[in-house]
C-alpha atoms as a PDB file:
ATOM      1  CA  MET A   1      -3.070  15.194   5.730  1.00  0.00           C
ATOM      2  CA  LYS A   2      -6.737  14.374   6.190  1.00  0.00           C
ATOM      3  CA  GLU A   3      -6.338  10.665   6.699  1.00  0.00           C
ATOM      4  CA  ARG A   4      -8.589   8.876   9.153  1.00  0.00           C
ATOM      5  CA  GLY A   5      -7.152   6.394  11.613  1.00  0.00           C
ATOM      6  CA  ILE A   6      -9.350   3.432  12.491  1.00  0.00           C
ATOM      7  CA  LEU A   7      -6.819   1.179  14.187  1.00  0.00           C
ATOM      8  CA  ASN A   8      -3.487   2.115  15.686  1.00  0.00           C
ATOM      9  CA  GLY A   9      -1.057   2.192  12.764  1.00  0.00           C
ATOM     10  CA  ILE A  10      -3.687   1.839  10.002  1.00  0.00           C
ATOM     11  CA  LEU A  11      -4.958   4.936   8.212  1.00  0.00           C
ATOM     12  CA  TYR A  12      -7.434   5.432   5.389  1.00  0.00           C
ATOM     13  CA  PRO A  13      -6.760   8.210   2.859  1.00  0.00           C
ATOM     14  CA  ALA A  14      -9.535  10.794   2.602  1.00  0.00           C
ATOM     15  CA  ASP A  15      -8.991  11.269  -1.137  1.00  0.00           C
ATOM     16  CA  PRO A  16     -11.189   9.162  -3.412  1.00  0.00           C
ATOM     17  CA  GLY A  17      -9.145   7.271  -5.978  1.00  0.00           C
ATOM     18  CA  SER A  18      -6.197   6.919  -3.636  1.00  0.00           C
ATOM     19  CA  VAL A  19      -4.633   3.714  -2.317  1.00  0.00           C
ATOM     20  CA  ASP A  20      -6.721   1.355  -0.186  1.00  0.00           C
ATOM     21  CA  PHE A  21      -4.997   2.105   3.109  1.00  0.00           C
ATOM     22  CA  LEU A  22      -1.814   3.399   4.730  1.00  0.00           C
ATOM     23  CA  LEU A  23       0.365   1.770   7.350  1.00  0.00           C
ATOM     24  CA  SER A  24       2.090   4.029   9.859  1.00  0.00           C
ATOM     25  CA  ARG A  25       5.400   2.669  11.144  1.00  0.00           C
ATOM     26  CA  ALA A  26       6.695   3.381  14.650  1.00  0.00           C
ATOM     27  CA  ASP A  27       9.243   5.814  13.170  1.00  0.00           C
ATOM     28  CA  GLY A  28       6.424   7.799  11.513  1.00  0.00           C
ATOM     29  CA  GLU A  29       7.014   6.598   7.954  1.00  0.00           C
ATOM     30  CA  ILE A  30       3.802   6.046   5.991  1.00  0.00           C
ATOM     31  CA  ILE A  31       3.604   2.963   3.765  1.00  0.00           C
ATOM     32  CA  PRO A  32       0.882   3.069   1.081  1.00  0.00           C
ATOM     33  CA  VAL A  33      -0.891  -0.244   0.392  1.00  0.00           C
ATOM     34  CA  GLU A  34      -3.021  -1.104  -2.647  1.00  0.00           C
ATOM     35  CA  VAL A  35      -5.011  -4.367  -2.660  1.00  0.00           C
ATOM     36  CA  GLY A  36      -6.587  -5.916  -5.733  1.00  0.00           C
ATOM     37  CA  VAL A  37      -7.997  -9.181  -6.971  1.00  0.00           C
ATOM     38  CA  GLY A  38      -7.724  -8.324 -10.661  1.00  0.00           C
ATOM     39  CA  ARG A  39      -5.056  -6.657 -12.717  1.00  0.00           C
ATOM     40  CA  LYS A  40      -3.824  -3.639 -10.760  1.00  0.00           C
ATOM     41  CA  SER A  41      -1.923  -0.656 -12.029  1.00  0.00           C
ATOM     42  CA  LYS A  42       0.912   0.699  -9.935  1.00  0.00           C
ATOM     43  CA  GLY A  43      -0.082   4.280 -10.796  1.00  0.00           C
ATOM     44  CA  GLN A  44      -2.075   5.026  -7.630  1.00  0.00           C
ATOM     45  CA  LEU A  45       0.582   3.407  -5.501  1.00  0.00           C
ATOM     46  CA  LYS A  46       3.423   5.384  -7.081  1.00  0.00           C
ATOM     47  CA  LYS A  47       1.489   8.646  -6.598  1.00  0.00           C
ATOM     48  CA  ALA A  48       0.952   7.797  -2.923  1.00  0.00           C
ATOM     49  CA  ILE A  49       4.636   6.888  -2.450  1.00  0.00           C
ATOM     50  CA  LYS A  50       5.552  10.319  -3.782  1.00  0.00           C
ATOM     51  CA  ARG A  51       2.830  12.147  -1.822  1.00  0.00           C
ATOM     52  CA  TYR A  52       3.766  10.608   1.535  1.00  0.00           C
ATOM     53  CA  LYS A  53       7.518  10.614   0.768  1.00  0.00           C
ATOM     54  CA  SER A  54       7.633   6.880   1.436  1.00  0.00           C
ATOM     55  CA  ASN A  55      10.623   4.690   0.699  1.00  0.00           C
ATOM     56  CA  TYR A  56       8.332   2.032  -0.779  1.00  0.00           C
ATOM     57  CA  GLY A  57       4.731   0.922  -1.222  1.00  0.00           C
ATOM     58  CA  ILE A  58       3.037  -2.472  -1.132  1.00  0.00           C
ATOM     59  CA  LEU A  59       0.861  -3.932  -3.887  1.00  0.00           C
ATOM     60  CA  VAL A  60      -1.160  -6.936  -2.732  1.00  0.00           C
ATOM     61  CA  SER A  61      -2.529  -8.889  -5.675  1.00  0.00           C
ATOM     62  CA  LYS A  62      -4.266 -12.168  -6.325  1.00  0.00           C
ATOM     63  CA  ARG A  63      -2.312 -12.362  -9.585  1.00  0.00           C
ATOM     64  CA  SER A  64       1.097 -12.271  -7.863  1.00  0.00           C
ATOM     65  CA  GLN A  65       2.591 -15.682  -7.148  1.00  0.00           C
ATOM     66  CA  ILE A  66       5.786 -14.628  -5.374  1.00  0.00           C
ATOM     67  CA  ILE A  67       7.023 -11.716  -3.298  1.00  0.00           C
ATOM     68  CA  GLU A  68       9.076  -9.443  -5.523  1.00  0.00           C
ATOM     69  CA  LYS A  69      10.366  -5.883  -5.541  1.00  0.00           C
ATOM     70  CA  GLU A  70      10.329  -3.657  -8.615  1.00  0.00           C
ATOM     71  CA  GLY A  71      11.842  -0.270  -7.892  1.00  0.00           C
ATOM     72  CA  ASN A  72      10.040   1.077  -4.843  1.00  0.00           C
ATOM     73  CA  VAL A  73       7.014  -1.246  -5.146  1.00  0.00           C
ATOM     74  CA  ILE A  74       6.856  -4.553  -3.279  1.00  0.00           C
ATOM     75  CA  GLN A  75       4.367  -7.025  -4.747  1.00  0.00           C
ATOM     76  CA  ILE A  76       2.906  -9.576  -2.349  1.00  0.00           C
ATOM     77  CA  PRO A  77       0.494 -12.421  -3.183  1.00  0.00           C
ATOM     78  CA  LEU A  78      -2.927 -12.041  -1.550  1.00  0.00           C
ATOM     79  CA  THR A  79      -2.568 -15.415   0.174  1.00  0.00           C
ATOM     80  CA  THR A  80       0.762 -14.398   1.718  1.00  0.00           C
ATOM     81  CA  PHE A  81      -0.589 -11.023   2.850  1.00  0.00           C
ATOM     82  CA  SER A  82      -3.492 -12.731   4.629  1.00  0.00           C
ATOM     83  CA  PHE A  83      -0.975 -14.409   6.974  1.00  0.00           C
ATOM     84  CA  ILE A  84       0.726 -11.147   7.983  1.00  0.00           C
END
């Protein structure tokens, strides 16, 4: 992995076209996160989930109104994510 860590627990993938950032849990699991204000595809997120062998990924979107889980993707409204 060639990810760069800026803050403890937050990593940025070195690959262009990848997810926006990665969260590193205390147990070492990597959680891919994709953030978007427009319509976002889950394609990048699903590739990152597979690449990092994650149990799930997070899609933060302005278009989402509620927190919901579809398969291994958790969608979170942008306004909710800003409070985390």
